[in-house]
N, C-alpha and C. Protein backbone atom coordinates (compact mmCIF):
# COMPACT_ATOMS: atom_id res chain seq x y z
N MET A 1 30.11 -16.39 -30.90
CA MET A 1 29.89 -17.28 -30.87
C MET A 1 28.91 -16.43 -29.57
N ARG A 2 27.99 -16.27 -28.77
CA ARG A 2 27.27 -15.96 -27.76
C ARG A 2 26.67 -17.55 -26.57
N ASN A 3 27.11 -17.08 -25.35
CA ASN A 3 27.09 -17.81 -24.83
C ASN A 3 25.47 -17.75 -24.01
N SER A 4 25.35 -19.27 -23.58
CA SER A 4 23.56 -19.29 -23.74
C SER A 4 23.75 -18.82 -22.42
N ARG A 5 22.59 -19.35 -21.49
CA ARG A 5 22.57 -18.82 -19.93
C ARG A 5 23.60 -20.70 -19.41
N PRO A 6 22.99 -21.19 -19.53
CA PRO A 6 23.28 -22.62 -19.05
C PRO A 6 24.36 -22.70 -19.09
N ASP A 7 25.00 -22.54 -20.59
CA ASP A 7 26.42 -22.68 -20.74
C ASP A 7 27.60 -21.59 -20.39
N LEU A 8 26.57 -20.23 -20.27
CA LEU A 8 27.43 -18.92 -19.27
C LEU A 8 27.87 -19.90 -17.95
N ASP A 9 26.81 -20.36 -16.98
CA ASP A 9 26.92 -20.50 -15.53
C ASP A 9 27.94 -21.69 -15.11
N ALA A 10 27.96 -22.73 -16.61
CA ALA A 10 28.63 -23.41 -16.63
C ALA A 10 30.43 -22.73 -16.36
N LEU A 11 30.19 -22.00 -17.13
CA LEU A 11 32.11 -21.74 -17.82
C LEU A 11 32.62 -20.41 -16.11
N ILE A 12 31.08 -20.03 -15.65
CA ILE A 12 31.10 -18.87 -14.12
C ILE A 12 31.64 -20.15 -13.24
N GLU A 13 30.90 -21.15 -13.27
CA GLU A 13 31.70 -21.96 -11.82
C GLU A 13 32.69 -23.02 -12.50
N ARG A 14 33.35 -23.82 -14.07
CA ARG A 14 35.11 -23.72 -14.14
C ARG A 14 35.70 -22.44 -13.89
N TYR A 15 35.26 -20.98 -13.80
CA TYR A 15 36.53 -20.03 -13.37
C TYR A 15 36.38 -20.00 -11.88
N VAL A 16 35.44 -19.86 -11.30
CA VAL A 16 35.89 -19.61 -10.19
C VAL A 16 36.39 -20.33 -9.28
N ASP A 17 36.14 -22.27 -10.08
CA ASP A 17 36.29 -22.95 -9.10
C ASP A 17 38.43 -23.29 -9.71
N ALA A 18 38.70 -23.05 -10.48
CA ALA A 18 40.32 -22.76 -11.29
C ALA A 18 40.66 -21.45 -10.24
N ALA A 19 40.32 -20.45 -9.57
CA ALA A 19 40.44 -19.22 -9.97
C ALA A 19 40.68 -19.66 -7.94
N SER A 20 39.86 -20.44 -7.55
CA SER A 20 39.81 -20.69 -6.30
C SER A 20 40.76 -21.51 -6.03
N LYS A 21 41.32 -23.03 -6.91
CA LYS A 21 42.74 -24.16 -6.56
C LYS A 21 43.22 -23.24 -7.09
N ASN A 22 43.98 -22.34 -8.26
CA ASN A 22 45.16 -21.73 -8.09
C ASN A 22 45.41 -21.00 -7.25
N GLY A 23 44.87 -19.87 -6.52
CA GLY A 23 44.71 -19.37 -5.09
C GLY A 23 45.85 -20.30 -4.53
N ALA A 24 44.47 -21.51 -4.14
CA ALA A 24 45.29 -22.60 -2.98
C ALA A 24 46.38 -22.91 -3.24
N ALA A 25 46.41 -23.06 -4.51
CA ALA A 25 48.21 -23.75 -4.88
C ALA A 25 49.01 -22.12 -4.77
N LEU A 26 48.55 -21.47 -5.04
CA LEU A 26 49.90 -20.33 -4.27
C LEU A 26 50.55 -19.88 -3.12
N GLU A 27 49.34 -20.39 -2.52
CA GLU A 27 49.37 -20.09 -0.56
C GLU A 27 50.36 -21.34 0.02
N GLY A 28 50.00 -22.43 -1.17
CA GLY A 28 50.24 -23.20 -0.86
C GLY A 28 51.70 -23.77 -1.26
N SER A 29 52.35 -22.54 -1.89
CA SER A 29 53.25 -23.06 -2.74
C SER A 29 53.74 -24.86 -3.49
N ASP A 30 52.99 -24.20 -3.96
CA ASP A 30 52.89 -25.73 -4.81
C ASP A 30 52.85 -24.99 -6.63
N SER A 31 54.15 -24.82 -7.52
CA SER A 31 54.11 -24.05 -8.09
C SER A 31 53.17 -25.11 -9.73
N LYS A 32 53.51 -26.39 -9.33
CA LYS A 32 53.57 -27.03 -9.74
C LYS A 32 51.29 -27.26 -10.51
N LYS A 33 50.72 -27.00 -9.22
CA LYS A 33 49.68 -27.41 -9.35
C LYS A 33 49.29 -26.33 -9.62
N ALA A 34 49.26 -24.99 -9.36
CA ALA A 34 49.88 -23.75 -9.50
C ALA A 34 49.92 -22.80 -11.03
N THR A 35 50.47 -23.43 -11.03
CA THR A 35 50.81 -23.36 -12.94
C THR A 35 49.60 -24.34 -13.41
N LYS A 36 48.53 -25.89 -13.35
CA LYS A 36 48.33 -26.29 -13.98
C LYS A 36 46.98 -24.98 -13.89
N GLU A 37 46.46 -24.78 -12.31
CA GLU A 37 44.81 -23.91 -12.47
C GLU A 37 45.21 -22.57 -13.03
N ALA A 38 45.74 -22.79 -13.44
CA ALA A 38 46.10 -21.20 -14.09
C ALA A 38 46.29 -21.43 -15.77
N ARG A 39 46.42 -22.09 -16.49
CA ARG A 39 46.62 -22.40 -17.46
C ARG A 39 44.81 -22.79 -17.26
N ARG A 40 44.39 -23.56 -16.40
CA ARG A 40 43.03 -24.12 -16.59
C ARG A 40 42.32 -22.37 -17.26
N LEU A 41 42.47 -21.36 -15.61
CA LEU A 41 42.32 -20.21 -16.21
C LEU A 41 41.51 -19.64 -17.76
N ALA A 42 43.20 -19.20 -18.14
CA ALA A 42 43.56 -18.88 -19.31
C ALA A 42 42.02 -19.36 -20.44
N LYS A 43 42.48 -21.16 -19.99
CA LYS A 43 41.65 -21.66 -21.62
C LYS A 43 40.39 -21.46 -21.03
N ILE A 44 39.29 -20.80 -19.55
CA ILE A 44 38.26 -20.76 -19.90
C ILE A 44 38.04 -19.86 -19.97
N LYS A 45 38.88 -18.38 -20.19
CA LYS A 45 38.80 -16.29 -19.97
C LYS A 45 38.31 -16.84 -21.77
N LYS A 46 39.60 -17.27 -22.42
CA LYS A 46 39.38 -17.71 -24.05
C LYS A 46 38.08 -17.91 -23.88
N SER A 47 37.22 -19.00 -23.75
CA SER A 47 35.61 -18.78 -23.74
C SER A 47 34.81 -17.48 -23.39
N LEU A 48 35.20 -16.77 -22.75
CA LEU A 48 34.47 -15.96 -22.55
C LEU A 48 34.34 -15.20 -23.09
N ASN A 49 32.92 -14.53 -23.65
CA ASN A 49 34.12 -13.57 -24.48
C ASN A 49 33.68 -11.68 -23.32
N LEU A 50 33.99 -10.96 -22.55
CA LEU A 50 34.12 -10.24 -22.12
C LEU A 50 33.82 -8.40 -22.48
N LYS A 51 33.74 -8.76 -23.48
CA LYS A 51 32.66 -7.67 -24.38
C LYS A 51 31.64 -7.83 -24.40
N GLU A 52 30.97 -9.24 -23.77
CA GLU A 52 28.86 -9.08 -24.32
C GLU A 52 28.68 -9.61 -22.82
N LYS A 53 27.95 -8.14 -22.21
CA LYS A 53 27.13 -7.46 -21.31
C LYS A 53 26.31 -9.03 -19.80
N GLN A 54 26.06 -10.05 -20.19
CA GLN A 54 26.08 -10.79 -20.15
C GLN A 54 26.51 -11.52 -19.27
N VAL A 55 28.02 -11.69 -19.81
CA VAL A 55 29.67 -12.31 -18.99
C VAL A 55 30.05 -11.45 -17.94
N GLN A 56 29.96 -10.06 -18.26
CA GLN A 56 30.43 -9.25 -17.94
C GLN A 56 29.39 -9.32 -16.73
N ALA A 57 28.15 -8.87 -16.54
CA ALA A 57 27.28 -9.31 -15.55
C ALA A 57 27.80 -10.07 -14.53
N SER A 58 28.34 -11.57 -14.88
CA SER A 58 28.69 -13.15 -14.48
C SER A 58 29.76 -11.79 -14.08
N ILE A 59 30.66 -11.65 -14.52
CA ILE A 59 32.44 -11.10 -13.18
C ILE A 59 32.30 -10.34 -12.77
N LEU A 60 31.27 -9.04 -12.97
CA LEU A 60 31.13 -8.23 -11.68
C LEU A 60 30.46 -8.35 -10.49
N ASN A 61 29.80 -9.80 -10.80
CA ASN A 61 29.66 -10.79 -9.43
C ASN A 61 30.13 -10.90 -8.63
N LEU A 62 31.02 -11.25 -9.10
CA LEU A 62 32.12 -12.54 -8.06
C LEU A 62 33.17 -11.41 -7.72
N LEU A 63 33.22 -9.93 -8.11
CA LEU A 63 33.59 -9.07 -6.86
C LEU A 63 33.07 -9.10 -5.22
N SER A 64 32.23 -9.47 -5.12
CA SER A 64 31.50 -10.24 -4.16
C SER A 64 31.94 -11.77 -3.03
N HIS A 65 32.72 -12.33 -4.40
CA HIS A 65 32.91 -14.05 -3.87
C HIS A 65 32.99 -13.94 -2.88
N PRO A 66 33.18 -14.54 -1.53
CA PRO A 66 33.93 -15.11 -0.22
C PRO A 66 35.25 -14.85 -0.69
N ASN A 67 35.83 -15.78 -2.19
CA ASN A 67 36.79 -16.14 -2.01
C ASN A 67 37.85 -14.95 -2.29
N PRO A 68 39.14 -14.25 -1.75
CA PRO A 68 39.52 -13.35 -1.78
C PRO A 68 40.58 -13.31 -3.67
N TRP A 69 40.59 -14.47 -3.89
CA TRP A 69 40.93 -15.00 -5.11
C TRP A 69 40.46 -15.01 -5.56
N VAL A 70 39.16 -15.36 -5.69
CA VAL A 70 38.22 -15.38 -6.72
C VAL A 70 37.86 -14.13 -6.97
N ARG A 71 37.77 -13.44 -5.99
CA ARG A 71 37.44 -11.89 -6.64
C ARG A 71 38.34 -11.09 -6.84
N SER A 72 39.83 -11.17 -6.82
CA SER A 72 41.70 -11.18 -7.17
C SER A 72 41.37 -10.79 -8.80
N VAL A 73 40.66 -12.39 -8.93
CA VAL A 73 40.72 -13.09 -10.16
C VAL A 73 39.73 -11.62 -11.10
N ALA A 74 38.82 -11.61 -10.85
CA ALA A 74 37.63 -10.99 -10.89
C ALA A 74 37.94 -9.76 -11.57
N ALA A 75 38.49 -9.16 -10.25
CA ALA A 75 38.74 -7.39 -10.37
C ALA A 75 40.05 -7.41 -11.81
N PHE A 76 40.99 -8.32 -11.79
CA PHE A 76 41.32 -8.20 -13.26
C PHE A 76 40.82 -8.22 -14.38
N ASP A 77 39.72 -9.12 -14.49
CA ASP A 77 38.97 -9.11 -15.38
C ASP A 77 38.34 -7.24 -15.59
N CYS A 78 37.97 -7.24 -14.81
CA CYS A 78 36.69 -6.37 -14.70
C CYS A 78 37.50 -4.92 -15.07
N LEU A 79 38.59 -5.22 -15.08
CA LEU A 79 39.82 -3.44 -15.10
C LEU A 79 39.16 -3.02 -16.90
N GLU A 80 38.69 -4.23 -17.66
CA GLU A 80 38.19 -3.53 -18.92
C GLU A 80 37.68 -2.69 -19.43
N PHE A 81 35.73 -3.38 -18.03
CA PHE A 81 34.81 -2.45 -18.53
C PHE A 81 34.65 -2.03 -17.21
N ALA A 82 34.51 -2.03 -15.41
CA ALA A 82 34.11 -1.28 -15.09
C ALA A 82 35.35 -1.33 -13.89
N ASP A 83 36.64 -0.63 -14.27
CA ASP A 83 38.16 -0.67 -13.60
C ASP A 83 37.60 0.87 -12.20
N LEU A 84 36.22 1.27 -11.78
CA LEU A 84 35.94 1.56 -10.82
C LEU A 84 36.01 0.67 -9.76
N GLU A 85 34.88 -0.70 -10.05
CA GLU A 85 34.26 -1.07 -9.24
C GLU A 85 35.74 -2.58 -9.11
N ALA A 86 36.39 -2.30 -10.07
CA ALA A 86 37.50 -3.26 -9.81
C ALA A 86 38.80 -2.73 -9.21
N VAL A 87 38.83 -1.73 -9.00
CA VAL A 87 40.10 -0.35 -8.32
C VAL A 87 39.11 -1.03 -6.72
N LYS A 88 37.53 -1.17 -6.70
CA LYS A 88 37.62 -0.82 -5.31
C LYS A 88 37.30 -2.46 -4.89
N ALA A 89 37.64 -2.83 -5.77
CA ALA A 89 37.27 -4.35 -4.55
C ALA A 89 39.34 -4.37 -4.69
N LEU A 90 39.92 -4.65 -5.78
CA LEU A 90 41.59 -4.40 -5.01
C LEU A 90 41.59 -3.88 -3.76
N LYS A 91 41.23 -2.54 -3.49
CA LYS A 91 41.84 -2.11 -3.20
C LYS A 91 41.56 -3.39 -1.48
N GLU A 92 40.44 -3.83 -1.50
CA GLU A 92 39.84 -4.17 -0.18
C GLU A 92 41.01 -6.05 -0.48
N ILE A 93 40.80 -6.47 -1.37
CA ILE A 93 41.70 -7.05 -1.28
C ILE A 93 43.39 -6.83 -0.89
N ALA A 94 43.10 -5.71 -1.22
CA ALA A 94 45.55 -5.38 -0.47
C ALA A 94 45.05 -5.93 1.09
N GLU A 95 43.53 -5.92 2.06
CA GLU A 95 43.88 -5.37 2.74
C GLU A 95 43.92 -6.74 3.91
N GLN A 96 44.36 -8.37 2.70
CA GLN A 96 43.81 -9.69 2.74
C GLN A 96 45.48 -9.41 3.73
N PRO A 97 45.58 -11.23 4.35
CA PRO A 97 47.36 -11.67 4.16
C PRO A 97 47.84 -12.74 3.12
N GLY A 98 48.67 -12.39 3.25
CA GLY A 98 49.59 -14.33 2.11
C GLY A 98 49.57 -12.58 0.84
N PHE A 99 49.88 -13.68 0.09
CA PHE A 99 49.79 -13.25 -1.75
C PHE A 99 48.55 -12.55 -2.57
N VAL A 100 47.64 -12.86 -1.97
CA VAL A 100 46.17 -12.05 -3.05
C VAL A 100 46.36 -11.03 -2.16
N GLY A 101 46.94 -10.68 -0.89
CA GLY A 101 46.50 -9.19 -1.00
C GLY A 101 47.70 -8.28 -1.13
N VAL A 102 48.96 -9.12 -1.18
CA VAL A 102 49.39 -8.58 -1.56
C VAL A 102 50.11 -8.33 -3.57
N GLY A 103 49.53 -9.20 -3.86
CA GLY A 103 49.57 -9.11 -5.82
C GLY A 103 48.64 -7.74 -6.13
N ALA A 104 47.40 -7.39 -5.36
CA ALA A 104 46.60 -6.66 -5.21
C ALA A 104 47.37 -5.41 -4.84
N GLU A 105 48.06 -5.53 -4.04
CA GLU A 105 48.96 -4.19 -3.56
C GLU A 105 49.55 -3.49 -4.11
N TRP A 106 50.60 -4.70 -4.52
CA TRP A 106 51.50 -4.49 -6.05
C TRP A 106 50.85 -3.91 -6.93
N TYR A 107 49.99 -4.33 -7.68
CA TYR A 107 49.03 -4.17 -8.90
C TYR A 107 48.93 -2.24 -8.40
N LEU A 108 48.24 -2.41 -7.53
CA LEU A 108 47.13 -0.86 -6.83
C LEU A 108 48.26 0.44 -7.11
N ARG A 109 49.96 -0.28 -6.71
CA ARG A 109 51.19 0.66 -6.71
C ARG A 109 51.67 1.08 -8.08
N ARG A 110 51.83 -0.04 -8.72
CA ARG A 110 51.90 0.27 -9.70
C ARG A 110 51.08 1.18 -11.07
N ARG A 111 49.78 1.30 -10.81
CA ARG A 111 48.86 1.98 -10.86
C ARG A 111 48.92 3.56 -10.66
N GLU A 112 49.43 3.86 -9.46
CA GLU A 112 49.70 5.18 -9.34
C GLU A 112 50.13 5.83 -9.74
N GLN A 113 51.84 4.71 -9.67
CA GLN A 113 52.93 5.08 -10.52
C GLN A 113 52.59 5.29 -11.83
N GLY A 114 51.41 4.89 -13.15
CA GLY A 114 51.05 4.54 -13.95
C GLY A 114 51.56 3.69 -14.88
N ARG A 115 52.19 2.88 -13.86
CA ARG A 115 53.36 1.60 -14.70
C ARG A 115 52.69 0.96 -15.54
N THR A 116 51.16 0.63 -15.31
CA THR A 116 50.55 -0.68 -15.56
C THR A 116 49.93 -0.21 -16.56
N ALA A 117 49.66 -1.45 -17.51
CA ALA A 117 49.40 -1.50 -18.58
C ALA A 117 47.76 -0.88 -18.94
N ARG A 118 46.68 -0.95 -17.85
CA ARG A 118 44.95 -0.80 -17.92
C ARG A 118 45.00 0.77 -16.87
């Protein structure tokens, strides 16, 4: 199924919203809300076909989003098709305070040790 542009734009808006709310909940130690938003984000991702060039371009654009949680989620999704850009974004995010920076740093260390799936 091909994503039409309006449908894709709406999915990307929902992706950004869920990633932002998930990050805020994690930073606020609200595990119930974080879990809810993570599930919502997973459903949105299922609706996106990351093999489609239009979807990939939309996700790549999120690597410059002002919210580090959105950039982080997008970077992990971009590892499948734009590894260099994703790793660059994760290195920048690793400099951020809080859980978002710790998560990016942890992934980069595991990657360096050859212990990641990607």
